[in-house]
């Protein structure tokens, strides 16, 4: 697929819904050799780019925009409103369901967009949300401990850790004996004694 000159409004959208899987050109090459692809010599009626998505294939798992051919075709079908066909493409791979899971929210947002400009705007909004979340995490990590010794996570409702009942030596302390016999022995009443009388 040729690289369009104006990338701002060249994303695949619902307007391209007449596209069928058999009509989608896919560049089948290693991402390491992408610069060797002669995009200028390829022909296409309406070149489109996929918006930002995360790969789930074993080679590039978790890497943004490094999709396999199957992921690219499936994403294009889903964005164009052919969800079942996109899922069918991924069903052939053990990791196919992971692509849908990783990108579920994004694919839904992109599929709701009518135009290429809408898809680009949805992509931008998502990336801004991700950046804002990253900034908030960084701010939380940078907060010093409070004067009372609590950490930046003290406001979170977390379950107690095993160290909450540990002593200074790292061992769990037993409750102090009360002097009373254990409940079981107390409730059994008189019974045979283990001691011998003289």
N, C-alpha and C. Protein backbone atom coordinates (compact mmCIF):
# COMPACT_ATOMS: atom_id res chain seq x y z
N UNK A 1 0.85 -1.17 0.00
CA UNK A 1 0.00 0.00 0.00
C UNK A 1 0.90 1.23 0.00
N UNK A 2 0.71 2.16 -0.90
CA UNK A 2 1.56 3.35 -0.95
C UNK A 2 1.40 4.19 0.32
N UNK A 3 2.47 4.84 0.66
CA UNK A 3 2.39 5.75 1.80
C UNK A 3 1.77 7.04 1.31
N UNK A 4 0.61 7.40 1.83
CA UNK A 4 -0.06 8.61 1.37
C UNK A 4 0.72 9.85 1.76
N UNK A 5 0.56 10.89 0.95
CA UNK A 5 1.26 12.15 1.21
C UNK A 5 0.65 12.86 2.41
N UNK A 6 -0.66 12.82 2.55
CA UNK A 6 -1.33 13.48 3.66
C UNK A 6 -1.80 12.40 4.64
N UNK A 7 -1.04 12.19 5.69
CA UNK A 7 -1.36 11.13 6.64
C UNK A 7 -2.42 11.55 7.66
N UNK A 8 -2.71 12.82 7.75
CA UNK A 8 -3.66 13.27 8.76
C UNK A 8 -5.04 12.69 8.54
N UNK A 9 -5.45 12.51 7.31
CA UNK A 9 -6.80 12.03 7.02
C UNK A 9 -6.76 10.81 6.12
N UNK A 10 -5.84 9.90 6.40
CA UNK A 10 -5.70 8.73 5.54
C UNK A 10 -5.93 7.42 6.28
N UNK A 11 -6.56 7.48 7.43
CA UNK A 11 -6.81 6.26 8.20
C UNK A 11 -8.04 5.54 7.65
N UNK A 12 -8.03 4.24 7.80
CA UNK A 12 -9.15 3.41 7.40
C UNK A 12 -10.35 3.75 8.27
N UNK A 13 -11.54 3.84 7.68
CA UNK A 13 -12.74 4.18 8.44
C UNK A 13 -13.95 3.43 7.90
N UNK A 14 -15.08 3.66 8.54
CA UNK A 14 -16.34 3.03 8.14
C UNK A 14 -16.70 3.36 6.69
N UNK A 15 -16.25 4.49 6.20
CA UNK A 15 -16.51 4.85 4.80
C UNK A 15 -15.88 3.86 3.83
N UNK A 16 -14.90 3.14 4.29
CA UNK A 16 -14.24 2.14 3.46
C UNK A 16 -14.88 0.76 3.63
N UNK A 17 -16.11 0.72 4.13
CA UNK A 17 -16.75 -0.54 4.48
C UNK A 17 -17.03 -1.45 3.29
N UNK A 18 -16.95 -0.93 2.09
CA UNK A 18 -17.16 -1.79 0.92
C UNK A 18 -15.94 -2.67 0.67
N UNK A 19 -14.88 -2.39 1.42
CA UNK A 19 -13.66 -3.18 1.27
C UNK A 19 -13.90 -4.60 1.74
N UNK A 20 -13.43 -5.56 0.97
CA UNK A 20 -13.52 -6.96 1.35
C UNK A 20 -12.11 -7.45 1.62
N UNK A 21 -12.01 -8.51 2.38
CA UNK A 21 -10.69 -9.04 2.74
C UNK A 21 -9.85 -9.34 1.50
N UNK A 22 -10.48 -9.83 0.45
CA UNK A 22 -9.74 -10.18 -0.77
C UNK A 22 -9.22 -8.95 -1.49
N UNK A 23 -9.78 -7.77 -1.21
CA UNK A 23 -9.37 -6.55 -1.89
C UNK A 23 -8.38 -5.72 -1.08
N UNK A 24 -8.03 -6.17 0.10
CA UNK A 24 -7.12 -5.41 0.94
C UNK A 24 -5.68 -5.78 0.63
N UNK A 25 -4.91 -4.85 0.14
CA UNK A 25 -3.49 -5.16 -0.06
C UNK A 25 -2.77 -5.15 1.29
N UNK A 26 -1.88 -6.08 1.47
CA UNK A 26 -1.12 -6.18 2.71
C UNK A 26 0.35 -6.31 2.34
N UNK A 27 1.17 -5.53 2.98
CA UNK A 27 2.61 -5.62 2.75
C UNK A 27 3.14 -6.73 3.65
N UNK A 28 3.56 -7.83 3.04
CA UNK A 28 4.05 -8.98 3.79
C UNK A 28 5.57 -8.96 3.80
N UNK A 29 6.12 -8.32 4.83
CA UNK A 29 7.57 -8.25 4.96
C UNK A 29 7.93 -8.09 6.42
N UNK A 30 9.18 -8.28 6.72
CA UNK A 30 9.66 -8.06 8.07
C UNK A 30 9.62 -6.56 8.36
N UNK A 31 9.28 -6.21 9.58
CA UNK A 31 9.29 -4.80 9.96
C UNK A 31 10.71 -4.23 9.85
N UNK A 32 11.69 -5.08 9.98
CA UNK A 32 13.08 -4.63 9.87
C UNK A 32 13.46 -4.26 8.43
N UNK A 33 12.67 -4.72 7.47
CA UNK A 33 12.98 -4.47 6.05
C UNK A 33 11.95 -3.54 5.41
N UNK A 34 11.15 -2.87 6.19
CA UNK A 34 10.07 -2.03 5.65
C UNK A 34 10.59 -0.96 4.70
N UNK A 35 11.74 -0.41 4.99
CA UNK A 35 12.29 0.65 4.12
C UNK A 35 12.68 0.13 2.74
N UNK A 36 12.80 -1.18 2.60
CA UNK A 36 13.14 -1.78 1.30
C UNK A 36 11.92 -1.97 0.40
N UNK A 37 10.71 -1.78 0.96
CA UNK A 37 9.49 -1.98 0.17
C UNK A 37 9.30 -0.81 -0.78
N UNK A 38 9.12 -1.07 -2.07
CA UNK A 38 8.96 0.01 -3.05
C UNK A 38 7.52 0.55 -3.08
N UNK A 39 7.16 1.29 -2.06
CA UNK A 39 5.80 1.82 -1.97
C UNK A 39 5.44 2.68 -3.18
N UNK A 40 6.39 3.39 -3.73
CA UNK A 40 6.12 4.29 -4.87
C UNK A 40 5.65 3.52 -6.10
N UNK A 41 6.04 2.25 -6.21
CA UNK A 41 5.66 1.47 -7.39
C UNK A 41 4.38 0.67 -7.19
N UNK A 42 3.86 0.66 -5.99
CA UNK A 42 2.61 -0.07 -5.76
C UNK A 42 1.43 0.79 -6.17
N UNK A 43 0.36 0.11 -6.56
CA UNK A 43 -0.83 0.85 -6.98
C UNK A 43 -1.97 0.58 -6.00
N UNK A 44 -2.75 1.57 -5.78
CA UNK A 44 -3.92 1.42 -4.94
C UNK A 44 -4.91 2.52 -5.25
N UNK A 45 -6.18 2.17 -5.21
CA UNK A 45 -7.22 3.15 -5.52
C UNK A 45 -7.37 4.15 -4.38
N UNK A 46 -7.43 3.64 -3.17
CA UNK A 46 -7.63 4.51 -2.02
C UNK A 46 -6.72 4.05 -0.89
N UNK A 47 -5.47 4.47 -0.89
CA UNK A 47 -4.56 4.01 0.16
C UNK A 47 -5.01 4.47 1.54
N UNK A 48 -4.96 3.56 2.47
CA UNK A 48 -5.35 3.86 3.85
C UNK A 48 -4.33 3.26 4.80
N UNK A 49 -4.20 3.87 5.94
CA UNK A 49 -3.35 3.34 7.01
C UNK A 49 -4.24 2.91 8.16
N UNK A 50 -3.79 1.91 8.89
CA UNK A 50 -4.51 1.52 10.09
C UNK A 50 -4.15 2.49 11.21
N UNK A 51 -5.09 2.77 12.09
CA UNK A 51 -4.77 3.61 13.24
C UNK A 51 -3.94 2.82 14.26
N UNK A 52 -3.58 3.48 15.33
CA UNK A 52 -2.72 2.93 16.38
C UNK A 52 -3.38 1.72 17.02
N UNK A 53 -2.70 0.58 16.99
CA UNK A 53 -3.13 -0.66 17.63
C UNK A 53 -1.89 -1.36 18.18
N UNK A 54 -2.10 -2.30 19.08
CA UNK A 54 -1.01 -3.03 19.71
C UNK A 54 -0.97 -4.45 19.18
N UNK A 55 0.21 -4.91 18.82
CA UNK A 55 0.38 -6.27 18.29
C UNK A 55 0.22 -7.31 19.40
N UNK A 56 -0.32 -8.47 19.02
CA UNK A 56 -0.42 -9.60 19.94
C UNK A 56 0.30 -10.83 19.39
N UNK A 57 0.88 -10.70 18.21
CA UNK A 57 1.59 -11.84 17.62
C UNK A 57 2.84 -12.13 18.45
N UNK A 58 3.31 -13.38 18.42
CA UNK A 58 4.44 -13.76 19.27
C UNK A 58 5.73 -12.99 19.00
N UNK A 59 5.94 -12.51 17.81
CA UNK A 59 7.18 -11.80 17.48
C UNK A 59 7.18 -10.39 18.04
N UNK A 60 6.06 -9.69 17.96
CA UNK A 60 6.01 -8.28 18.36
C UNK A 60 4.98 -8.02 19.46
N UNK A 61 4.70 -8.99 20.31
CA UNK A 61 3.67 -8.84 21.33
C UNK A 61 3.87 -7.57 22.15
N UNK A 62 2.80 -6.79 22.26
CA UNK A 62 2.81 -5.58 23.08
C UNK A 62 3.40 -4.36 22.41
N UNK A 63 3.91 -4.51 21.21
CA UNK A 63 4.51 -3.37 20.52
C UNK A 63 3.44 -2.65 19.70
N UNK A 64 3.32 -1.36 19.88
CA UNK A 64 2.34 -0.62 19.09
C UNK A 64 2.73 -0.56 17.62
N UNK A 65 1.73 -0.71 16.77
CA UNK A 65 1.87 -0.52 15.32
C UNK A 65 2.77 -1.54 14.63
N UNK A 66 3.09 -2.65 15.26
CA UNK A 66 3.92 -3.70 14.64
C UNK A 66 3.07 -4.94 14.42
N UNK A 67 1.97 -4.77 13.69
CA UNK A 67 1.02 -5.86 13.48
C UNK A 67 1.51 -6.86 12.45
N UNK A 68 1.06 -8.09 12.61
CA UNK A 68 1.29 -9.09 11.58
C UNK A 68 0.27 -8.84 10.47
N UNK A 69 0.45 -9.51 9.34
CA UNK A 69 -0.51 -9.35 8.24
C UNK A 69 -1.92 -9.75 8.67
N UNK A 70 -2.02 -10.85 9.42
CA UNK A 70 -3.33 -11.32 9.88
C UNK A 70 -3.99 -10.29 10.79
N UNK A 71 -3.22 -9.70 11.69
CA UNK A 71 -3.76 -8.68 12.58
C UNK A 71 -4.22 -7.46 11.78
N UNK A 72 -3.45 -7.08 10.79
CA UNK A 72 -3.80 -5.92 9.97
C UNK A 72 -5.10 -6.16 9.20
N UNK A 73 -5.22 -7.34 8.59
CA UNK A 73 -6.45 -7.65 7.84
C UNK A 73 -7.64 -7.69 8.79
N UNK A 74 -7.48 -8.36 9.93
CA UNK A 74 -8.57 -8.46 10.90
C UNK A 74 -8.99 -7.08 11.41
N UNK A 75 -8.02 -6.24 11.74
CA UNK A 75 -8.33 -4.90 12.22
C UNK A 75 -9.07 -4.10 11.16
N UNK A 76 -8.62 -4.20 9.92
CA UNK A 76 -9.29 -3.47 8.83
C UNK A 76 -10.74 -3.92 8.70
N UNK A 77 -10.97 -5.21 8.76
CA UNK A 77 -12.34 -5.72 8.65
C UNK A 77 -13.20 -5.24 9.82
N UNK A 78 -12.67 -5.30 11.02
CA UNK A 78 -13.43 -4.88 12.20
C UNK A 78 -13.74 -3.39 12.13
N UNK A 79 -12.77 -2.58 11.78
CA UNK A 79 -12.98 -1.13 11.69
C UNK A 79 -14.03 -0.79 10.63
N UNK A 80 -14.06 -1.57 9.57
CA UNK A 80 -15.02 -1.33 8.48
C UNK A 80 -16.38 -1.96 8.77
N UNK A 81 -16.58 -2.49 9.96
CA UNK A 81 -17.89 -3.01 10.34
C UNK A 81 -18.09 -4.49 10.09
N UNK A 82 -17.05 -5.19 9.72
CA UNK A 82 -17.16 -6.63 9.46
C UNK A 82 -16.47 -7.40 10.59
N UNK A 83 -17.02 -7.24 11.79
CA UNK A 83 -16.42 -7.80 13.01
C UNK A 83 -16.26 -9.32 12.92
N UNK A 84 -17.31 -10.02 12.52
CA UNK A 84 -17.25 -11.49 12.46
C UNK A 84 -16.16 -11.97 11.50
N UNK A 85 -16.03 -11.29 10.37
CA UNK A 85 -15.00 -11.67 9.40
C UNK A 85 -13.60 -11.43 9.97
N UNK A 86 -13.44 -10.33 10.71
CA UNK A 86 -12.15 -10.03 11.33
C UNK A 86 -11.78 -11.07 12.38
N UNK A 87 -12.76 -11.46 13.19
CA UNK A 87 -12.51 -12.48 14.21
C UNK A 87 -12.18 -13.81 13.54
N UNK A 88 -12.86 -14.12 12.44
CA UNK A 88 -12.60 -15.38 11.72
C UNK A 88 -11.16 -15.45 11.22
N UNK A 89 -10.61 -14.32 10.79
CA UNK A 89 -9.21 -14.30 10.35
C UNK A 89 -8.30 -14.67 11.52
N UNK A 90 -8.58 -14.12 12.69
CA UNK A 90 -7.71 -14.34 13.85
C UNK A 90 -7.92 -15.70 14.50
N UNK A 91 -9.07 -16.33 14.26
CA UNK A 91 -9.34 -17.65 14.84
C UNK A 91 -8.35 -18.70 14.37
N UNK A 92 -7.65 -18.44 13.33
CA UNK A 92 -6.68 -19.41 12.79
C UNK A 92 -5.37 -19.42 13.59
N UNK A 93 -5.23 -18.50 14.51
CA UNK A 93 -3.98 -18.38 15.27
C UNK A 93 -4.25 -18.54 16.76
N UNK A 94 -3.36 -19.22 17.46
CA UNK A 94 -3.52 -19.41 18.91
C UNK A 94 -3.57 -18.07 19.63
N UNK A 95 -2.85 -17.10 19.16
CA UNK A 95 -2.76 -15.80 19.81
C UNK A 95 -3.80 -14.81 19.28
N UNK A 96 -4.63 -15.23 18.33
CA UNK A 96 -5.58 -14.32 17.69
C UNK A 96 -6.52 -13.63 18.65
N UNK A 97 -7.03 -14.38 19.64
CA UNK A 97 -7.95 -13.78 20.61
C UNK A 97 -7.28 -12.68 21.43
N UNK A 98 -5.95 -12.81 21.62
CA UNK A 98 -5.23 -11.80 22.39
C UNK A 98 -5.22 -10.45 21.68
N UNK A 99 -5.19 -10.47 20.35
CA UNK A 99 -5.22 -9.21 19.60
C UNK A 99 -6.53 -8.47 19.86
N UNK A 100 -7.63 -9.21 19.83
CA UNK A 100 -8.94 -8.60 20.09
C UNK A 100 -8.97 -8.08 21.53
N UNK A 101 -8.49 -8.87 22.49
CA UNK A 101 -8.51 -8.45 23.89
C UNK A 101 -7.67 -7.19 24.13
N UNK A 102 -6.47 -7.17 23.58
CA UNK A 102 -5.59 -6.01 23.79
C UNK A 102 -6.16 -4.73 23.19
N UNK A 103 -6.88 -4.87 22.08
CA UNK A 103 -7.33 -3.70 21.32
C UNK A 103 -8.84 -3.51 21.32
N UNK A 104 -9.54 -4.21 22.20
CA UNK A 104 -11.00 -4.20 22.17
C UNK A 104 -11.59 -2.79 22.21
N UNK A 105 -11.15 -1.99 23.16
CA UNK A 105 -11.67 -0.62 23.30
C UNK A 105 -11.34 0.22 22.07
N UNK A 106 -10.11 0.13 21.61
CA UNK A 106 -9.70 0.91 20.43
C UNK A 106 -10.47 0.49 19.18
N UNK A 107 -10.59 -0.81 18.96
CA UNK A 107 -11.32 -1.28 17.77
C UNK A 107 -12.77 -0.81 17.81
N UNK A 108 -13.36 -0.83 19.02
CA UNK A 108 -14.74 -0.34 19.15
C UNK A 108 -14.82 1.14 18.81
N UNK A 109 -13.89 1.93 19.35
CA UNK A 109 -13.88 3.37 19.07
C UNK A 109 -13.71 3.64 17.57
N UNK A 110 -12.74 2.96 16.97
CA UNK A 110 -12.48 3.17 15.54
C UNK A 110 -13.67 2.75 14.68
N UNK A 111 -14.32 1.65 15.04
CA UNK A 111 -15.46 1.15 14.26
C UNK A 111 -16.65 2.10 14.35
N UNK A 112 -16.73 2.88 15.41
CA UNK A 112 -17.82 3.85 15.56
C UNK A 112 -17.60 5.11 14.73
N UNK A 113 -16.40 5.33 14.27
CA UNK A 113 -16.07 6.54 13.51
C UNK A 113 -16.59 6.44 12.08
N UNK A 114 -17.11 7.55 11.58
CA UNK A 114 -17.65 7.57 10.22
C UNK A 114 -16.58 7.87 9.18
N UNK A 115 -15.67 8.77 9.50
CA UNK A 115 -14.69 9.21 8.50
C UNK A 115 -13.26 8.96 8.97
N UNK A 116 -12.36 9.11 8.04
CA UNK A 116 -10.94 8.98 8.35
C UNK A 116 -10.51 10.01 9.39
N UNK A 117 -11.00 11.23 9.25
CA UNK A 117 -10.66 12.28 10.21
C UNK A 117 -11.16 11.92 11.61
N UNK A 118 -12.33 11.28 11.69
CA UNK A 118 -12.87 10.84 12.98
C UNK A 118 -11.96 9.79 13.62
N UNK A 119 -11.46 8.87 12.79
CA UNK A 119 -10.57 7.82 13.29
C UNK A 119 -9.28 8.44 13.82
N UNK A 120 -8.73 9.38 13.08
CA UNK A 120 -7.50 10.06 13.51
C UNK A 120 -7.76 10.81 14.82
N UNK A 121 -8.93 11.44 14.95
CA UNK A 121 -9.27 12.14 16.19
C UNK A 121 -9.42 11.16 17.35
N UNK A 122 -10.06 10.01 17.11
CA UNK A 122 -10.22 8.99 18.15
C UNK A 122 -8.86 8.45 18.59
N UNK A 123 -8.00 8.24 17.63
CA UNK A 123 -6.64 7.78 17.92
C UNK A 123 -5.92 8.82 18.78
N UNK A 124 -6.00 10.08 18.40
CA UNK A 124 -5.35 11.15 19.16
C UNK A 124 -5.88 11.25 20.57
N UNK A 125 -7.20 11.13 20.72
CA UNK A 125 -7.81 11.20 22.06
C UNK A 125 -7.33 10.05 22.92
N UNK A 126 -7.27 8.85 22.35
CA UNK A 126 -6.79 7.69 23.10
C UNK A 126 -5.34 7.88 23.54
N UNK A 127 -4.50 8.32 22.63
CA UNK A 127 -3.08 8.49 22.96
C UNK A 127 -2.89 9.59 24.01
N UNK A 128 -3.73 10.62 23.99
CA UNK A 128 -3.67 11.65 25.04
C UNK A 128 -4.06 11.06 26.39
N UNK A 129 -5.08 10.18 26.41
CA UNK A 129 -5.49 9.51 27.65
C UNK A 129 -4.35 8.66 28.20
N UNK A 130 -3.69 7.93 27.32
CA UNK A 130 -2.57 7.08 27.74
C UNK A 130 -1.45 7.94 28.32
N UNK A 131 -1.15 9.04 27.67
CA UNK A 131 -0.09 9.93 28.14
C UNK A 131 -0.47 10.54 29.49
N UNK A 132 -1.72 10.93 29.67
CA UNK A 132 -2.17 11.49 30.94
C UNK A 132 -2.06 10.44 32.05
N UNK A 133 -2.47 9.20 31.76
CA UNK A 133 -2.34 8.12 32.75
C UNK A 133 -0.88 7.91 33.12
N UNK A 134 0.00 7.95 32.14
CA UNK A 134 1.43 7.77 32.40
C UNK A 134 1.96 8.89 33.30
N UNK A 135 1.52 10.12 33.02
CA UNK A 135 1.95 11.27 33.85
C UNK A 135 1.47 11.12 35.29
N UNK A 136 0.23 10.67 35.47
CA UNK A 136 -0.31 10.50 36.82
C UNK A 136 0.47 9.43 37.59
N UNK A 137 0.81 8.35 36.93
CA UNK A 137 1.59 7.30 37.57
C UNK A 137 2.96 7.84 37.97
N UNK A 138 3.58 8.60 37.09
CA UNK A 138 4.88 9.19 37.40
C UNK A 138 4.78 10.14 38.59
N UNK A 139 3.72 10.95 38.66
CA UNK A 139 3.54 11.86 39.79
C UNK A 139 3.37 11.08 41.09
N UNK A 140 2.59 10.01 41.05
CA UNK A 140 2.39 9.20 42.25
C UNK A 140 3.70 8.58 42.72
N UNK A 141 4.49 8.11 41.79
CA UNK A 141 5.78 7.50 42.14
C UNK A 141 6.74 8.53 42.71
N UNK A 142 6.63 9.77 42.28
CA UNK A 142 7.55 10.82 42.71
C UNK A 142 7.18 11.40 44.07
N UNK A 143 5.97 11.13 44.57
CA UNK A 143 5.56 11.68 45.86
C UNK A 143 6.42 11.10 46.97
N UNK A 144 6.95 11.97 47.84
CA UNK A 144 7.72 11.47 48.98
C UNK A 144 6.78 10.85 50.01
N UNK A 145 7.37 10.10 50.94
CA UNK A 145 6.55 9.53 51.99
C UNK A 145 5.97 10.65 52.84
N UNK A 146 4.78 10.41 53.34
CA UNK A 146 4.13 11.40 54.19
C UNK A 146 4.85 11.46 55.53
N UNK A 147 4.58 12.52 56.30
CA UNK A 147 5.24 12.70 57.59
C UNK A 147 4.92 11.57 58.56
N UNK A 148 3.77 10.95 58.41
CA UNK A 148 3.41 9.86 59.32
C UNK A 148 4.06 8.54 58.93
N UNK A 149 4.92 8.56 57.90
CA UNK A 149 5.64 7.35 57.49
C UNK A 149 4.91 6.52 56.46
N UNK A 150 3.71 6.94 56.11
CA UNK A 150 2.97 6.17 55.10
C UNK A 150 3.52 6.50 53.72
N UNK A 151 3.35 5.59 52.82
CA UNK A 151 3.88 5.80 51.48
C UNK A 151 2.82 6.41 50.58
N UNK A 152 3.18 6.64 49.34
CA UNK A 152 2.26 7.21 48.37
C UNK A 152 1.06 6.30 48.12
N UNK A 153 1.16 5.03 48.50
CA UNK A 153 0.07 4.08 48.29
C UNK A 153 -0.83 3.96 49.51
N UNK A 154 -0.60 4.78 50.53
CA UNK A 154 -1.35 4.64 51.78
C UNK A 154 -2.83 4.91 51.61
N UNK A 155 -3.23 5.68 50.63
CA UNK A 155 -4.64 5.96 50.43
C UNK A 155 -5.37 4.86 49.67
N UNK A 156 -4.64 3.89 49.18
CA UNK A 156 -5.25 2.81 48.41
C UNK A 156 -5.78 1.75 49.36
N UNK A 157 -6.86 1.13 49.01
CA UNK A 157 -7.47 0.09 49.82
C UNK A 157 -6.87 -1.26 49.42
N UNK A 158 -5.68 -1.54 49.96
CA UNK A 158 -4.98 -2.77 49.63
C UNK A 158 -5.11 -3.77 50.77
N UNK A 159 -5.11 -5.06 50.47
CA UNK A 159 -5.16 -6.05 51.55
C UNK A 159 -3.86 -6.01 52.33
N UNK A 160 -3.89 -6.45 53.59
CA UNK A 160 -2.66 -6.42 54.39
C UNK A 160 -1.64 -7.39 53.82
N UNK A 161 -0.39 -7.04 53.95
CA UNK A 161 0.66 -7.93 53.49
C UNK A 161 1.04 -8.86 54.63
N UNK A 162 1.78 -9.88 54.31
CA UNK A 162 2.24 -10.81 55.34
C UNK A 162 3.16 -10.14 56.32
N UNK A 163 3.80 -9.05 55.94
CA UNK A 163 4.74 -8.38 56.82
C UNK A 163 4.05 -7.57 57.90
N UNK A 164 2.72 -7.37 57.81
CA UNK A 164 2.02 -6.60 58.83
C UNK A 164 2.05 -7.30 60.18
N UNK A 165 2.15 -8.64 60.22
CA UNK A 165 2.17 -9.37 61.48
C UNK A 165 3.56 -9.88 61.82
N UNK A 166 4.56 -9.45 61.08
CA UNK A 166 5.92 -9.91 61.31
C UNK A 166 6.63 -9.00 62.31
N UNK A 167 7.54 -9.61 63.08
CA UNK A 167 8.34 -8.85 64.02
C UNK A 167 9.54 -8.26 63.33
N UNK A 168 10.43 -7.66 64.09
CA UNK A 168 11.62 -7.04 63.53
C UNK A 168 12.53 -8.06 62.87
N UNK A 169 12.48 -9.31 63.38
CA UNK A 169 13.35 -10.34 62.80
C UNK A 169 12.75 -10.97 61.56
N UNK A 170 11.55 -10.52 61.14
CA UNK A 170 10.92 -11.05 59.94
C UNK A 170 10.08 -12.28 60.20
N UNK A 171 10.04 -12.75 61.46
CA UNK A 171 9.25 -13.93 61.79
C UNK A 171 7.91 -13.52 62.34
N UNK A 172 6.91 -14.32 62.10
CA UNK A 172 5.58 -14.03 62.61
C UNK A 172 5.57 -14.33 64.10
N UNK A 173 5.07 -13.40 64.88
CA UNK A 173 5.02 -13.61 66.32
C UNK A 173 3.74 -14.36 66.68
N UNK A 174 3.87 -15.29 67.64
CA UNK A 174 2.70 -16.03 68.11
C UNK A 174 1.99 -15.17 69.14
N UNK A 175 0.68 -15.37 69.28
CA UNK A 175 -0.01 -14.60 70.31
C UNK A 175 0.50 -15.01 71.69
N UNK A 176 0.46 -14.08 72.62
CA UNK A 176 0.96 -14.36 73.97
C UNK A 176 0.06 -15.38 74.63
N UNK A 177 0.66 -16.35 75.34
CA UNK A 177 -0.18 -17.36 76.00
C UNK A 177 -0.99 -16.70 77.11
N UNK A 178 -2.23 -17.16 77.27
CA UNK A 178 -3.12 -16.55 78.26
C UNK A 178 -3.10 -17.30 79.57
N UNK A 179 -2.49 -18.48 79.62
CA UNK A 179 -2.49 -19.26 80.85
C UNK A 179 -3.66 -20.23 80.87
N UNK A 180 -4.69 -19.99 80.08
CA UNK A 180 -5.82 -20.91 80.01
C UNK A 180 -5.45 -22.07 79.10
N UNK A 181 -6.02 -23.24 79.34
CA UNK A 181 -5.75 -24.35 78.44
C UNK A 181 -6.38 -24.07 77.09
N UNK A 182 -5.91 -24.74 76.06
CA UNK A 182 -6.50 -24.54 74.75
C UNK A 182 -7.99 -24.85 74.79
N UNK A 183 -8.81 -24.22 73.96
CA UNK A 183 -10.26 -24.39 74.01
C UNK A 183 -10.68 -25.85 73.90
N UNK A 184 -10.04 -26.63 73.11
CA UNK A 184 -10.45 -28.02 72.90
C UNK A 184 -10.30 -28.81 74.20
N UNK A 185 -9.18 -28.64 74.89
CA UNK A 185 -8.96 -29.37 76.13
C UNK A 185 -9.94 -28.93 77.19
N UNK A 186 -10.27 -27.67 77.24
CA UNK A 186 -11.19 -27.14 78.23
C UNK A 186 -12.59 -27.68 78.01
N UNK A 187 -13.03 -27.83 76.74
CA UNK A 187 -14.39 -28.23 76.44
C UNK A 187 -14.60 -29.73 76.54
N UNK A 188 -13.55 -30.53 76.59
CA UNK A 188 -13.73 -31.98 76.59
C UNK A 188 -14.11 -32.52 77.95
N UNK A 189 -13.86 -31.81 78.98
CA UNK A 189 -14.22 -32.30 80.32
C UNK A 189 -13.24 -33.35 80.80
N UNK A 190 -13.60 -34.05 81.89
CA UNK A 190 -12.67 -35.05 82.42
C UNK A 190 -12.52 -36.21 81.44
N UNK A 191 -11.38 -36.74 81.37
CA UNK A 191 -11.10 -37.84 80.46
C UNK A 191 -9.86 -38.55 80.91
N UNK A 192 -9.44 -39.50 80.13
CA UNK A 192 -8.25 -40.24 80.52
C UNK A 192 -7.06 -39.30 80.57
N UNK A 193 -6.23 -39.53 81.50
CA UNK A 193 -5.06 -38.70 81.69
C UNK A 193 -3.85 -39.38 81.06
N UNK A 194 -2.96 -38.58 80.54
CA UNK A 194 -1.74 -39.12 79.96
C UNK A 194 -0.66 -39.31 81.02
N UNK A 195 -0.90 -38.83 82.21
CA UNK A 195 0.13 -38.95 83.25
C UNK A 195 -0.14 -40.18 84.10
N UNK A 196 0.87 -40.69 84.67
CA UNK A 196 0.72 -41.84 85.57
C UNK A 196 0.85 -41.36 86.99
N UNK A 197 0.08 -41.89 87.87
CA UNK A 197 0.16 -41.46 89.27
C UNK A 197 1.09 -42.38 90.03
N UNK A 198 1.82 -41.88 91.01
CA UNK A 198 2.76 -42.71 91.77
C UNK A 198 2.09 -43.66 92.73
